[in-house]
């Protein structure tokens, strides 16, 4: 049974930084497109960033471009999300997701991802 485990969330002041990590227990991790999504209370889950299995072609939500950076280490089955210049509106539960050979043109859609983590809470105070 594949498992995704996120870590690195916490409480930070506006303007601060956090680094999230997601470790995947997936035998063929390099064949999975990885995404980060977030969900704030009372809101729908939204795409944050994604990185394709076929190369370093990351995509970002407009709201985080220039502030967040997604990266992956296939040797360690890990995907990271570096978050800088955090804003109160970034407060949410952040989820890692994995989908087998999902095309890079379709990373932003939450529907259809094979696996999801339990989430890690990020809270940004003003």
PDB file of N, CA and C in Angstrom:
ATOM      1  N   UNK A   1       0.843  -1.183   0.000  1.00  0.00           N
ATOM      2  CA  UNK A   1       0.000   0.000   0.000  1.00  0.00           C
ATOM      3  C   UNK A   1       0.884   1.241   0.000  1.00  0.00           C
ATOM      4  N   UNK A   2       0.739   2.068  -1.021  1.00  0.00           N
ATOM      5  CA  UNK A   2       1.540   3.274  -1.105  1.00  0.00           C
ATOM      6  C   UNK A   2       1.120   4.252  -0.023  1.00  0.00           C
ATOM      7  N   UNK A   3       2.081   5.031   0.415  1.00  0.00           N
ATOM      8  CA  UNK A   3       1.812   5.996   1.476  1.00  0.00           C
ATOM      9  C   UNK A   3       2.606   7.260   1.224  1.00  0.00           C
ATOM     10  N   UNK A   4       1.966   8.407   1.457  1.00  0.00           N
ATOM     11  CA  UNK A   4       2.628   9.696   1.370  1.00  0.00           C
ATOM     12  C   UNK A   4       2.578  10.337   2.746  1.00  0.00           C
ATOM     13  N   UNK A   5       3.718  10.818   3.216  1.00  0.00           N
ATOM     14  CA  UNK A   5       3.774  11.427   4.538  1.00  0.00           C
ATOM     15  C   UNK A   5       4.398  12.809   4.423  1.00  0.00           C
ATOM     16  N   UNK A   6       3.599  13.825   4.781  1.00  0.00           N
ATOM     17  CA  UNK A   6       4.084  15.197   4.725  1.00  0.00           C
ATOM     18  C   UNK A   6       4.659  15.624   6.072  1.00  0.00           C
ATOM     19  N   UNK A   7       5.574  16.568   6.015  1.00  0.00           N
ATOM     20  CA  UNK A   7       6.132  17.139   7.236  1.00  0.00           C
ATOM     21  C   UNK A   7       6.593  18.557   6.942  1.00  0.00           C
ATOM     22  N   UNK A   8       6.870  19.300   8.010  1.00  0.00           N
ATOM     23  CA  UNK A   8       7.443  20.627   7.851  1.00  0.00           C
ATOM     24  C   UNK A   8       6.501  21.784   8.088  1.00  0.00           C
ATOM     25  N   UNK A   9       5.228  21.491   8.300  1.00  0.00           N
ATOM     26  CA  UNK A   9       4.295  22.569   8.562  1.00  0.00           C
ATOM     27  C   UNK A   9       4.540  23.204   9.927  1.00  0.00           C
ATOM     28  N   UNK A  10       3.852  24.313  10.182  1.00  0.00           N
ATOM     29  CA  UNK A  10       3.995  24.980  11.460  1.00  0.00           C
ATOM     30  C   UNK A  10       3.415  26.365  11.443  1.00  0.00           C
ATOM     31  N   UNK A  11       3.745  27.128  12.470  1.00  0.00           N
ATOM     32  CA  UNK A  11       3.282  28.503  12.621  1.00  0.00           C
ATOM     33  C   UNK A  11       4.440  29.445  12.309  1.00  0.00           C
ATOM     34  N   UNK A  12       4.178  30.419  11.452  1.00  0.00           N
ATOM     35  CA  UNK A  12       5.218  31.360  11.058  1.00  0.00           C
ATOM     36  C   UNK A  12       4.594  32.729  10.875  1.00  0.00           C
ATOM     37  N   UNK A  13       5.383  33.759  11.085  1.00  0.00           N
ATOM     38  CA  UNK A  13       4.896  35.116  10.864  1.00  0.00           C
ATOM     39  C   UNK A  13       4.916  35.444   9.382  1.00  0.00           C
ATOM     40  N   UNK A  14       4.081  36.371   8.997  1.00  0.00           N
ATOM     41  CA  UNK A  14       4.060  36.829   7.612  1.00  0.00           C
ATOM     42  C   UNK A  14       5.452  37.295   7.198  1.00  0.00           C
ATOM     43  N   UNK A  15       5.824  36.905   5.983  1.00  0.00           N
ATOM     44  CA  UNK A  15       7.160  37.208   5.493  1.00  0.00           C
ATOM     45  C   UNK A  15       8.177  36.114   5.757  1.00  0.00           C
ATOM     46  N   UNK A  16       7.811  35.162   6.585  1.00  0.00           N
ATOM     47  CA  UNK A  16       8.710  34.068   6.921  1.00  0.00           C
ATOM     48  C   UNK A  16       8.697  32.957   5.891  1.00  0.00           C
ATOM     49  N   UNK A  17       9.419  31.893   6.206  1.00  0.00           N
ATOM     50  CA  UNK A  17       9.572  30.768   5.287  1.00  0.00           C
ATOM     51  C   UNK A  17       9.319  29.446   5.996  1.00  0.00           C
ATOM     52  N   UNK A  18       8.873  28.482   5.229  1.00  0.00           N
ATOM     53  CA  UNK A  18       8.742  27.098   5.674  1.00  0.00           C
ATOM     54  C   UNK A  18       9.130  26.187   4.528  1.00  0.00           C
ATOM     55  N   UNK A  19       9.622  25.011   4.877  1.00  0.00           N
ATOM     56  CA  UNK A  19       9.949  24.016   3.864  1.00  0.00           C
ATOM     57  C   UNK A  19       9.185  22.748   4.174  1.00  0.00           C
ATOM     58  N   UNK A  20       8.307  22.359   3.253  1.00  0.00           N
ATOM     59  CA  UNK A  20       7.531  21.143   3.403  1.00  0.00           C
ATOM     60  C   UNK A  20       8.218  19.996   2.667  1.00  0.00           C
ATOM     61  N   UNK A  21       8.074  18.811   3.207  1.00  0.00           N
ATOM     62  CA  UNK A  21       8.606  17.614   2.558  1.00  0.00           C
ATOM     63  C   UNK A  21       7.532  16.545   2.512  1.00  0.00           C
ATOM     64  N   UNK A  22       7.581  15.753   1.472  1.00  0.00           N
ATOM     65  CA  UNK A  22       6.656  14.628   1.328  1.00  0.00           C
ATOM     66  C   UNK A  22       7.491  13.410   0.946  1.00  0.00           C
ATOM     67  N   UNK A  23       7.454  12.409   1.798  1.00  0.00           N
ATOM     68  CA  UNK A  23       8.156  11.158   1.519  1.00  0.00           C
ATOM     69  C   UNK A  23       7.142  10.129   1.045  1.00  0.00           C
ATOM     70  N   UNK A  24       7.434   9.522  -0.096  1.00  0.00           N
ATOM     71  CA  UNK A  24       6.496   8.585  -0.715  1.00  0.00           C
ATOM     72  C   UNK A  24       7.043   7.168  -0.668  1.00  0.00           C
ATOM     73  N   UNK A  25       6.260   6.276  -0.140  1.00  0.00           N
ATOM     74  CA  UNK A  25       6.632   4.859  -0.166  1.00  0.00           C
ATOM     75  C   UNK A  25       6.002   4.234  -1.398  1.00  0.00           C
ATOM     76  N   UNK A  26       6.571   4.588  -2.540  1.00  0.00           N
ATOM     77  CA  UNK A  26       6.093   4.112  -3.855  1.00  0.00           C
ATOM     78  C   UNK A  26       7.283   3.511  -4.582  1.00  0.00           C
ATOM     79  N   UNK A  27       7.183   2.260  -5.005  1.00  0.00           N
ATOM     80  CA  UNK A  27       8.341   1.593  -5.623  1.00  0.00           C
ATOM     81  C   UNK A  27       8.863   2.290  -6.873  1.00  0.00           C
ATOM     82  N   UNK A  28       7.970   2.854  -7.679  1.00  0.00           N
ATOM     83  CA  UNK A  28       8.394   3.494  -8.926  1.00  0.00           C
ATOM     84  C   UNK A  28       8.143   4.994  -8.846  1.00  0.00           C
ATOM     85  N   UNK A  29       8.662   5.615  -7.825  1.00  0.00           N
ATOM     86  CA  UNK A  29       8.404   7.026  -7.550  1.00  0.00           C
ATOM     87  C   UNK A  29       8.723   7.901  -8.746  1.00  0.00           C
ATOM     88  N   UNK A  30       9.777   7.598  -9.477  1.00  0.00           N
ATOM     89  CA  UNK A  30      10.202   8.444 -10.589  1.00  0.00           C
ATOM     90  C   UNK A  30       9.169   8.482 -11.720  1.00  0.00           C
ATOM     91  N   UNK A  31       8.210   7.571 -11.714  1.00  0.00           N
ATOM     92  CA  UNK A  31       7.162   7.533 -12.728  1.00  0.00           C
ATOM     93  C   UNK A  31       5.895   8.275 -12.312  1.00  0.00           C
ATOM     94  N   UNK A  32       5.960   8.944 -11.177  1.00  0.00           N
ATOM     95  CA  UNK A  32       4.795   9.639 -10.649  1.00  0.00           C
ATOM     96  C   UNK A  32       4.954  11.152 -10.756  1.00  0.00           C
ATOM     97  N   UNK A  33       3.924  11.779 -11.268  1.00  0.00           N
ATOM     98  CA  UNK A  33       3.818  13.225 -11.174  1.00  0.00           C
ATOM     99  C   UNK A  33       3.371  13.574  -9.758  1.00  0.00           C
ATOM    100  N   UNK A  34       4.021  14.569  -9.176  1.00  0.00           N
ATOM    101  CA  UNK A  34       3.754  14.931  -7.784  1.00  0.00           C
ATOM    102  C   UNK A  34       3.162  16.327  -7.709  1.00  0.00           C
ATOM    103  N   UNK A  35       2.202  16.472  -6.832  1.00  0.00           N
ATOM    104  CA  UNK A  35       1.572  17.772  -6.662  1.00  0.00           C
ATOM    105  C   UNK A  35       1.425  18.147  -5.204  1.00  0.00           C
ATOM    106  N   UNK A  36       1.396  19.443  -4.971  1.00  0.00           N
ATOM    107  CA  UNK A  36       1.037  19.991  -3.660  1.00  0.00           C
ATOM    108  C   UNK A  36      -0.284  20.744  -3.818  1.00  0.00           C
ATOM    109  N   UNK A  37      -1.191  20.472  -2.925  1.00  0.00           N
ATOM    110  CA  UNK A  37      -2.484  21.138  -2.884  1.00  0.00           C
ATOM    111  C   UNK A  37      -2.690  21.684  -1.470  1.00  0.00           C
ATOM    112  N   UNK A  38      -3.634  22.588  -1.319  1.00  0.00           N
ATOM    113  CA  UNK A  38      -3.933  23.093   0.012  1.00  0.00           C
ATOM    114  C   UNK A  38      -5.440  23.336   0.152  1.00  0.00           C
ATOM    115  N   UNK A  39      -5.885  23.293   1.382  1.00  0.00           N
ATOM    116  CA  UNK A  39      -7.299  23.511   1.655  1.00  0.00           C
ATOM    117  C   UNK A  39      -7.435  24.298   2.950  1.00  0.00           C
ATOM    118  N   UNK A  40      -8.048  25.452   2.838  1.00  0.00           N
ATOM    119  CA  UNK A  40      -8.341  26.279   4.001  1.00  0.00           C
ATOM    120  C   UNK A  40      -9.753  25.959   4.489  1.00  0.00           C
ATOM    121  N   UNK A  41     -10.052  26.225   5.738  1.00  0.00           N
ATOM    122  CA  UNK A  41     -11.389  25.923   6.270  1.00  0.00           C
ATOM    123  C   UNK A  41     -12.482  26.589   5.458  1.00  0.00           C
ATOM    124  N   UNK A  42     -13.474  25.804   5.084  1.00  0.00           N
ATOM    125  CA  UNK A  42     -14.599  26.331   4.334  1.00  0.00           C
ATOM    126  C   UNK A  42     -14.335  26.558   2.861  1.00  0.00           C
ATOM    127  N   UNK A  43     -13.149  26.182   2.402  1.00  0.00           N
ATOM    128  CA  UNK A  43     -12.818  26.389   0.998  1.00  0.00           C
ATOM    129  C   UNK A  43     -12.496  25.055   0.325  1.00  0.00           C
ATOM    130  N   UNK A  44     -12.525  25.072  -0.990  1.00  0.00           N
ATOM    131  CA  UNK A  44     -12.199  23.871  -1.741  1.00  0.00           C
ATOM    132  C   UNK A  44     -10.684  23.668  -1.787  1.00  0.00           C
ATOM    133  N   UNK A  45     -10.309  22.427  -2.007  1.00  0.00           N
ATOM    134  CA  UNK A  45      -8.893  22.117  -2.170  1.00  0.00           C
ATOM    135  C   UNK A  45      -8.396  22.769  -3.452  1.00  0.00           C
ATOM    136  N   UNK A  46      -7.237  23.400  -3.384  1.00  0.00           N
ATOM    137  CA  UNK A  46      -6.711  24.090  -4.558  1.00  0.00           C
ATOM    138  C   UNK A  46      -5.271  23.671  -4.837  1.00  0.00           C
ATOM    139  N   UNK A  47      -4.938  23.735  -6.101  1.00  0.00           N
ATOM    140  CA  UNK A  47      -3.599  23.408  -6.570  1.00  0.00           C
ATOM    141  C   UNK A  47      -2.618  24.481  -6.109  1.00  0.00           C
ATOM    142  N   UNK A  48      -1.433  24.036  -5.690  1.00  0.00           N
ATOM    143  CA  UNK A  48      -0.369  24.951  -5.298  1.00  0.00           C
ATOM    144  C   UNK A  48       0.807  24.840  -6.266  1.00  0.00           C
ATOM    145  N   UNK A  49       1.307  23.616  -6.449  1.00  0.00           N
ATOM    146  CA  UNK A  49       2.471  23.407  -7.316  1.00  0.00           C
ATOM    147  C   UNK A  49       2.514  21.954  -7.737  1.00  0.00           C
ATOM    148  N   UNK A  50       3.120  21.705  -8.888  1.00  0.00           N
ATOM    149  CA  UNK A  50       3.253  20.344  -9.363  1.00  0.00           C
ATOM    150  C   UNK A  50       4.548  20.172 -10.134  1.00  0.00           C
ATOM    151  N   UNK A  51       5.055  18.949 -10.119  1.00  0.00           N
ATOM    152  CA  UNK A  51       6.276  18.632 -10.862  1.00  0.00           C
ATOM    153  C   UNK A  51       6.076  17.293 -11.555  1.00  0.00           C
ATOM    154  N   UNK A  52       6.339  17.290 -12.849  1.00  0.00           N
ATOM    155  CA  UNK A  52       6.051  16.121 -13.679  1.00  0.00           C
ATOM    156  C   UNK A  52       7.070  15.014 -13.492  1.00  0.00           C
ATOM    157  N   UNK A  53       6.666  13.789 -13.856  1.00  0.00           N
ATOM    158  CA  UNK A  53       7.581  12.662 -13.814  1.00  0.00           C
ATOM    159  C   UNK A  53       8.560  12.681 -14.979  1.00  0.00           C
ATOM    160  N   UNK A  54       8.259  13.466 -16.026  1.00  0.00           N
ATOM    161  CA  UNK A  54       9.074  13.432 -17.231  1.00  0.00           C
ATOM    162  C   UNK A  54      10.044  14.599 -17.302  1.00  0.00           C
ATOM    163  N   UNK A  55      10.315  15.209 -16.180  1.00  0.00           N
ATOM    164  CA  UNK A  55      11.338  16.237 -16.188  1.00  0.00           C
ATOM    165  C   UNK A  55      10.965  17.394 -15.307  1.00  0.00           C
ATOM    166  N   UNK A  56      11.914  18.236 -15.040  1.00  0.00           N
ATOM    167  CA  UNK A  56      11.707  19.372 -14.130  1.00  0.00           C
ATOM    168  C   UNK A  56      10.895  20.476 -14.792  1.00  0.00           C
ATOM    169  N   UNK A  57       9.603  20.222 -14.971  1.00  0.00           N
ATOM    170  CA  UNK A  57       8.718  21.211 -15.581  1.00  0.00           C
ATOM    171  C   UNK A  57       7.663  21.607 -14.563  1.00  0.00           C
ATOM    172  N   UNK A  58       8.072  22.300 -13.535  1.00  0.00           N
ATOM    173  CA  UNK A  58       7.107  22.633 -12.470  1.00  0.00           C
ATOM    174  C   UNK A  58       6.060  23.638 -12.923  1.00  0.00           C
ATOM    175  N   UNK A  59       4.926  23.546 -12.300  1.00  0.00           N
ATOM    176  CA  UNK A  59       3.853  24.522 -12.487  1.00  0.00           C
ATOM    177  C   UNK A  59       3.440  25.052 -11.126  1.00  0.00           C
ATOM    178  N   UNK A  60       2.957  26.269 -11.124  1.00  0.00           N
ATOM    179  CA  UNK A  60       2.564  26.912  -9.883  1.00  0.00           C
ATOM    180  C   UNK A  60       1.241  27.639 -10.051  1.00  0.00           C
ATOM    181  N   UNK A  61       0.510  27.693  -8.965  1.00  0.00           N
ATOM    182  CA  UNK A  61      -0.660  28.559  -8.948  1.00  0.00           C
ATOM    183  C   UNK A  61      -0.181  30.006  -9.013  1.00  0.00           C
ATOM    184  N   UNK A  62      -0.964  30.853  -9.637  1.00  0.00           N
ATOM    185  CA  UNK A  62      -0.574  32.255  -9.765  1.00  0.00           C
ATOM    186  C   UNK A  62      -0.318  32.897  -8.412  1.00  0.00           C
ATOM    187  N   UNK A  63      -1.052  32.464  -7.411  1.00  0.00           N
ATOM    188  CA  UNK A  63      -0.955  33.083  -6.091  1.00  0.00           C
ATOM    189  C   UNK A  63       0.376  32.805  -5.386  1.00  0.00           C
ATOM    190  N   UNK A  64       1.126  31.797  -5.877  1.00  0.00           N
ATOM    191  CA  UNK A  64       2.388  31.449  -5.201  1.00  0.00           C
ATOM    192  C   UNK A  64       3.606  31.612  -6.095  1.00  0.00           C
ATOM    193  N   UNK A  65       3.398  31.965  -7.350  1.00  0.00           N
ATOM    194  CA  UNK A  65       4.536  32.124  -8.270  1.00  0.00           C
ATOM    195  C   UNK A  65       5.510  33.161  -7.733  1.00  0.00           C
ATOM    196  N   UNK A  66       6.788  32.805  -7.813  1.00  0.00           N
ATOM    197  CA  UNK A  66       7.828  33.706  -7.330  1.00  0.00           C
ATOM    198  C   UNK A  66       8.104  33.586  -5.841  1.00  0.00           C
ATOM    199  N   UNK A  67       7.244  32.854  -5.121  1.00  0.00           N
ATOM    200  CA  UNK A  67       7.439  32.685  -3.681  1.00  0.00           C
ATOM    201  C   UNK A  67       7.685  31.233  -3.297  1.00  0.00           C
ATOM    202  N   UNK A  68       7.054  30.308  -4.005  1.00  0.00           N
ATOM    203  CA  UNK A  68       7.170  28.882  -3.693  1.00  0.00           C
ATOM    204  C   UNK A  68       7.996  28.187  -4.770  1.00  0.00           C
ATOM    205  N   UNK A  69       8.731  27.157  -4.356  1.00  0.00           N
ATOM    206  CA  UNK A  69       9.509  26.353  -5.286  1.00  0.00           C
ATOM    207  C   UNK A  69       9.314  24.877  -4.958  1.00  0.00           C
ATOM    208  N   UNK A  70       8.916  24.105  -5.975  1.00  0.00           N
ATOM    209  CA  UNK A  70       8.760  22.664  -5.815  1.00  0.00           C
ATOM    210  C   UNK A  70       9.972  21.968  -6.418  1.00  0.00           C
ATOM    211  N   UNK A  71      10.395  20.895  -5.764  1.00  0.00           N
ATOM    212  CA  UNK A  71      11.520  20.107  -6.278  1.00  0.00           C
ATOM    213  C   UNK A  71      11.314  18.660  -5.869  1.00  0.00           C
ATOM    214  N   UNK A  72      12.015  17.768  -6.558  1.00  0.00           N
ATOM    215  CA  UNK A  72      11.903  16.348  -6.221  1.00  0.00           C
ATOM    216  C   UNK A  72      13.279  15.711  -6.221  1.00  0.00           C
ATOM    217  N   UNK A  73      13.400  14.671  -5.405  1.00  0.00           N
ATOM    218  CA  UNK A  73      14.617  13.875  -5.347  1.00  0.00           C
ATOM    219  C   UNK A  73      14.186  12.433  -5.520  1.00  0.00           C
ATOM    220  N   UNK A  74      14.332  11.917  -6.733  1.00  0.00           N
ATOM    221  CA  UNK A  74      13.862  10.560  -7.021  1.00  0.00           C
ATOM    222  C   UNK A  74      14.652   9.502  -6.252  1.00  0.00           C
ATOM    223  N   UNK A  75      15.899   9.797  -5.920  1.00  0.00           N
ATOM    224  CA  UNK A  75      16.706   8.841  -5.167  1.00  0.00           C
ATOM    225  C   UNK A  75      16.188   8.678  -3.741  1.00  0.00           C
ATOM    226  N   UNK A  76      15.512   9.713  -3.237  1.00  0.00           N
ATOM    227  CA  UNK A  76      15.005   9.674  -1.864  1.00  0.00           C
ATOM    228  C   UNK A  76      13.489   9.587  -1.801  1.00  0.00           C
ATOM    229  N   UNK A  77      12.844   9.429  -2.969  1.00  0.00           N
ATOM    230  CA  UNK A  77      11.372   9.362  -3.017  1.00  0.00           C
ATOM    231  C   UNK A  77      10.734  10.555  -2.299  1.00  0.00           C
ATOM    232  N   UNK A  78      11.264  11.716  -2.561  1.00  0.00           N
ATOM    233  CA  UNK A  78      10.826  12.903  -1.830  1.00  0.00           C
ATOM    234  C   UNK A  78      10.484  14.039  -2.782  1.00  0.00           C
ATOM    235  N   UNK A  79       9.448  14.785  -2.427  1.00  0.00           N
ATOM    236  CA  UNK A  79       9.124  16.032  -3.107  1.00  0.00           C
ATOM    237  C   UNK A  79       9.041  17.116  -2.040  1.00  0.00           C
ATOM    238  N   UNK A  80       9.639  18.245  -2.350  1.00  0.00           N
ATOM    239  CA  UNK A  80       9.726  19.342  -1.389  1.00  0.00           C
ATOM    240  C   UNK A  80       8.992  20.573  -1.903  1.00  0.00           C
ATOM    241  N   UNK A  81       8.567  21.398  -0.973  1.00  0.00           N
ATOM    242  CA  UNK A  81       7.949  22.673  -1.319  1.00  0.00           C
ATOM    243  C   UNK A  81       8.568  23.739  -0.423  1.00  0.00           C
ATOM    244  N   UNK A  82       9.406  24.564  -1.022  1.00  0.00           N
ATOM    245  CA  UNK A  82      10.003  25.677  -0.290  1.00  0.00           C
ATOM    246  C   UNK A  82       9.073  26.872  -0.422  1.00  0.00           C
ATOM    247  N   UNK A  83       8.678  27.407   0.722  1.00  0.00           N
ATOM    248  CA  UNK A  83       7.713  28.501   0.730  1.00  0.00           C
ATOM    249  C   UNK A  83       8.348  29.724   1.385  1.00  0.00           C
ATOM    250  N   UNK A  84       8.505  30.772   0.613  1.00  0.00           N
ATOM    251  CA  UNK A  84       9.112  32.015   1.100  1.00  0.00           C
ATOM    252  C   UNK A  84       8.096  33.147   1.066  1.00  0.00           C
ATOM    253  N   UNK A  85       8.400  34.187   1.814  1.00  0.00           N
ATOM    254  CA  UNK A  85       7.530  35.362   1.861  1.00  0.00           C
ATOM    255  C   UNK A  85       6.066  34.952   2.086  1.00  0.00           C
ATOM    256  N   UNK A  86       5.864  34.167   3.102  1.00  0.00           N
ATOM    257  CA  UNK A  86       4.525  33.645   3.369  1.00  0.00           C
ATOM    258  C   UNK A  86       3.561  34.747   3.772  1.00  0.00           C
ATOM    259  N   UNK A  87       2.314  34.556   3.389  1.00  0.00           N
ATOM    260  CA  UNK A  87       1.257  35.525   3.662  1.00  0.00           C
ATOM    261  C   UNK A  87       0.154  34.848   4.479  1.00  0.00           C
ATOM    262  N   UNK A  88      -0.622  35.608   5.223  1.00  0.00           N
ATOM    263  CA  UNK A  88      -1.722  34.997   5.990  1.00  0.00           C
ATOM    264  C   UNK A  88      -2.663  34.172   5.119  1.00  0.00           C
ATOM    265  N   UNK A  89      -2.851  34.575   3.875  1.00  0.00           N
ATOM    266  CA  UNK A  89      -3.737  33.822   2.992  1.00  0.00           C
ATOM    267  C   UNK A  89      -3.155  32.488   2.548  1.00  0.00           C
ATOM    268  N   UNK A  90      -1.903  32.217   2.886  1.00  0.00           N
ATOM    269  CA  UNK A  90      -1.317  30.905   2.626  1.00  0.00           C
ATOM    270  C   UNK A  90      -1.696  29.889   3.708  1.00  0.00           C
ATOM    271  N   UNK A  91      -2.349  30.337   4.752  1.00  0.00           N
ATOM    272  CA  UNK A  91      -2.754  29.444   5.835  1.00  0.00           C
ATOM    273  C   UNK A  91      -3.719  28.381   5.325  1.00  0.00           C
ATOM    274  N   UNK A  92      -3.353  27.122   5.529  1.00  0.00           N
ATOM    275  CA  UNK A  92      -4.163  26.010   5.034  1.00  0.00           C
ATOM    276  C   UNK A  92      -3.528  24.695   5.459  1.00  0.00           C
ATOM    277  N   UNK A  93      -4.259  23.630   5.216  1.00  0.00           N
ATOM    278  CA  UNK A  93      -3.714  22.275   5.340  1.00  0.00           C
ATOM    279  C   UNK A  93      -3.136  21.909   3.980  1.00  0.00           C
ATOM    280  N   UNK A  94      -1.854  21.575   3.968  1.00  0.00           N
ATOM    281  CA  UNK A  94      -1.156  21.299   2.720  1.00  0.00           C
ATOM    282  C   UNK A  94      -1.025  19.791   2.507  1.00  0.00           C
ATOM    283  N   UNK A  95      -1.422  19.356   1.318  1.00  0.00           N
ATOM    284  CA  UNK A  95      -1.419  17.940   0.973  1.00  0.00           C
ATOM    285  C   UNK A  95      -0.449  17.660  -0.170  1.00  0.00           C
ATOM    286  N   UNK A  96       0.171  16.517  -0.077  1.00  0.00           N
ATOM    287  CA  UNK A  96       0.991  15.987  -1.156  1.00  0.00           C
ATOM    288  C   UNK A  96       0.161  14.947  -1.907  1.00  0.00           C
ATOM    289  N   UNK A  97       0.320  14.897  -3.231  1.00  0.00           N
ATOM    290  CA  UNK A  97      -0.428  13.942  -4.039  1.00  0.00           C
ATOM    291  C   UNK A  97       0.471  13.350  -5.112  1.00  0.00           C
ATOM    292  N   UNK A  98       0.170  12.121  -5.497  1.00  0.00           N
ATOM    293  CA  UNK A  98       0.968  11.421  -6.505  1.00  0.00           C
ATOM    294  C   UNK A  98       0.057  10.757  -7.522  1.00  0.00           C
ATOM    295  N   UNK A  99       0.428  10.833  -8.779  1.00  0.00           N
ATOM    296  CA  UNK A  99      -0.347  10.197  -9.844  1.00  0.00           C
ATOM    297  C   UNK A  99       0.599   9.595 -10.868  1.00  0.00           C
ATOM    298  N   UNK A 100       0.339   8.328 -11.199  1.00  0.00           N
ATOM    299  CA  UNK A 100       1.214   7.569 -12.091  1.00  0.00           C
ATOM    300  C   UNK A 100       1.159   8.122 -13.502  1.00  0.00           C
ATOM    301  N   UNK A 101       2.295   8.639 -13.961  1.00  0.00           N
ATOM    302  CA  UNK A 101       2.482   9.119 -15.329  1.00  0.00           C
ATOM    303  C   UNK A 101       1.404  10.118 -15.767  1.00  0.00           C
ATOM    304  N   UNK A 102       0.989  10.966 -14.832  1.00  0.00           N
ATOM    305  CA  UNK A 102       0.072  12.042 -15.221  1.00  0.00           C
ATOM    306  C   UNK A 102       0.833  13.056 -16.076  1.00  0.00           C
ATOM    307  N   UNK A 103       0.198  13.488 -17.136  1.00  0.00           N
ATOM    308  CA  UNK A 103       0.832  14.439 -18.017  1.00  0.00           C
ATOM    309  C   UNK A 103       1.044  15.789 -17.362  1.00  0.00           C
ATOM    310  N   UNK A 104       2.103  16.482 -17.735  1.00  0.00           N
ATOM    311  CA  UNK A 104       2.414  17.773 -17.124  1.00  0.00           C
ATOM    312  C   UNK A 104       1.376  18.842 -17.410  1.00  0.00           C
ATOM    313  N   UNK A 105       0.533  18.622 -18.439  1.00  0.00           N
ATOM    314  CA  UNK A 105      -0.499  19.589 -18.776  1.00  0.00           C
ATOM    315  C   UNK A 105      -1.710  19.483 -17.860  1.00  0.00           C
ATOM    316  N   UNK A 106      -1.723  18.501 -16.982  1.00  0.00           N
ATOM    317  CA  UNK A 106      -2.922  18.195 -16.205  1.00  0.00           C
ATOM    318  C   UNK A 106      -2.644  18.129 -14.703  1.00  0.00           C
ATOM    319  N   UNK A 107      -1.579  18.773 -14.271  1.00  0.00           N
ATOM    320  CA  UNK A 107      -1.205  18.649 -12.865  1.00  0.00           C
ATOM    321  C   UNK A 107      -2.135  19.392 -11.934  1.00  0.00           C
ATOM    322  N   UNK A 108      -2.826  20.414 -12.423  1.00  0.00           N
ATOM    323  CA  UNK A 108      -3.578  21.297 -11.551  1.00  0.00           C
ATOM    324  C   UNK A 108      -4.918  20.729 -11.110  1.00  0.00           C
ATOM    325  N   UNK A 109      -5.358  19.648 -11.743  1.00  0.00           N
ATOM    326  CA  UNK A 109      -6.654  19.056 -11.403  1.00  0.00           C
ATOM    327  C   UNK A 109      -6.474  18.040 -10.283  1.00  0.00           C
ATOM    328  N   UNK A 110      -7.169  18.261  -9.163  1.00  0.00           N
ATOM    329  CA  UNK A 110      -7.031  17.359  -8.024  1.00  0.00           C
ATOM    330  C   UNK A 110      -7.655  15.996  -8.279  1.00  0.00           C
ATOM    331  N   UNK A 111      -8.688  15.971  -9.094  1.00  0.00           N
ATOM    332  CA  UNK A 111      -9.388  14.717  -9.372  1.00  0.00           C
ATOM    333  C   UNK A 111      -8.462  13.755 -10.097  1.00  0.00           C
ATOM    334  N   UNK A 112      -8.443  12.515  -9.604  1.00  0.00           N
ATOM    335  CA  UNK A 112      -7.714  11.476 -10.312  1.00  0.00           C
ATOM    336  C   UNK A 112      -6.333  11.161  -9.786  1.00  0.00           C
ATOM    337  N   UNK A 113      -5.829  11.938  -8.845  1.00  0.00           N
ATOM    338  CA  UNK A 113      -4.528  11.584  -8.275  1.00  0.00           C
ATOM    339  C   UNK A 113      -4.662  10.243  -7.540  1.00  0.00           C
ATOM    340  N   UNK A 114      -3.682   9.395  -7.715  1.00  0.00           N
ATOM    341  CA  UNK A 114      -3.745   8.048  -7.150  1.00  0.00           C
ATOM    342  C   UNK A 114      -3.644   8.039  -5.633  1.00  0.00           C
ATOM    343  N   UNK A 115      -2.753   8.845  -5.097  1.00  0.00           N
ATOM    344  CA  UNK A 115      -2.472   8.801  -3.666  1.00  0.00           C
ATOM    345  C   UNK A 115      -2.410  10.208  -3.080  1.00  0.00           C
ATOM    346  N   UNK A 116      -2.828  10.296  -1.826  1.00  0.00           N
ATOM    347  CA  UNK A 116      -2.802  11.550  -1.081  1.00  0.00           C
ATOM    348  C   UNK A 116      -2.219  11.318   0.307  1.00  0.00           C
ATOM    349  N   UNK A 117      -1.516  12.321   0.796  1.00  0.00           N
ATOM    350  CA  UNK A 117      -1.060  12.279   2.175  1.00  0.00           C
ATOM    351  C   UNK A 117      -2.138  12.784   3.111  1.00  0.00           C
ATOM    352  N   UNK A 118      -1.820  12.799   4.390  1.00  0.00           N
ATOM    353  CA  UNK A 118      -2.768  13.234   5.415  1.00  0.00           C
ATOM    354  C   UNK A 118      -2.756  14.735   5.611  1.00  0.00           C
ATOM    355  N   UNK A 119      -1.737  15.385   5.109  1.00  0.00           N
ATOM    356  CA  UNK A 119      -1.680  16.840   5.204  1.00  0.00           C
ATOM    357  C   UNK A 119      -0.819  17.333   6.357  1.00  0.00           C
ATOM    358  N   UNK A 120      -0.284  18.527   6.176  1.00  0.00           N
ATOM    359  CA  UNK A 120       0.475  19.203   7.228  1.00  0.00           C
ATOM    360  C   UNK A 120      -0.018  20.648   7.303  1.00  0.00           C
ATOM    361  N   UNK A 121      -0.254  21.122   8.508  1.00  0.00           N
ATOM    362  CA  UNK A 121      -0.860  22.437   8.696  1.00  0.00           C
ATOM    363  C   UNK A 121       0.178  23.547   8.593  1.00  0.00           C
ATOM    364  N   UNK A 122      -0.158  24.553   7.816  1.00  0.00           N
ATOM    365  CA  UNK A 122       0.653  25.767   7.723  1.00  0.00           C
ATOM    366  C   UNK A 122      -0.211  26.935   8.187  1.00  0.00           C
ATOM    367  N   UNK A 123       0.277  27.648   9.169  1.00  0.00           N
ATOM    368  CA  UNK A 123      -0.437  28.807   9.692  1.00  0.00           C
ATOM    369  C   UNK A 123       0.488  30.015   9.653  1.00  0.00           C
ATOM    370  N   UNK A 124       0.025  31.067   8.986  1.00  0.00           N
ATOM    371  CA  UNK A 124       0.808  32.283   8.843  1.00  0.00           C
ATOM    372  C   UNK A 124       0.094  33.404   9.586  1.00  0.00           C
ATOM    373  N   UNK A 125       0.758  33.965  10.562  1.00  0.00           N
ATOM    374  CA  UNK A 125       0.160  35.044  11.353  1.00  0.00           C
ATOM    375  C   UNK A 125       0.548  36.396  10.780  1.00  0.00           C
ATOM    376  N   UNK A 126      -0.374  37.351  10.939  1.00  0.00           N
ATOM    377  CA  UNK A 126      -0.106  38.687  10.377  1.00  0.00           C
ATOM    378  C   UNK A 126       0.620  39.570  11.371  1.00  0.00           C
TER     379      UNK A 126
END
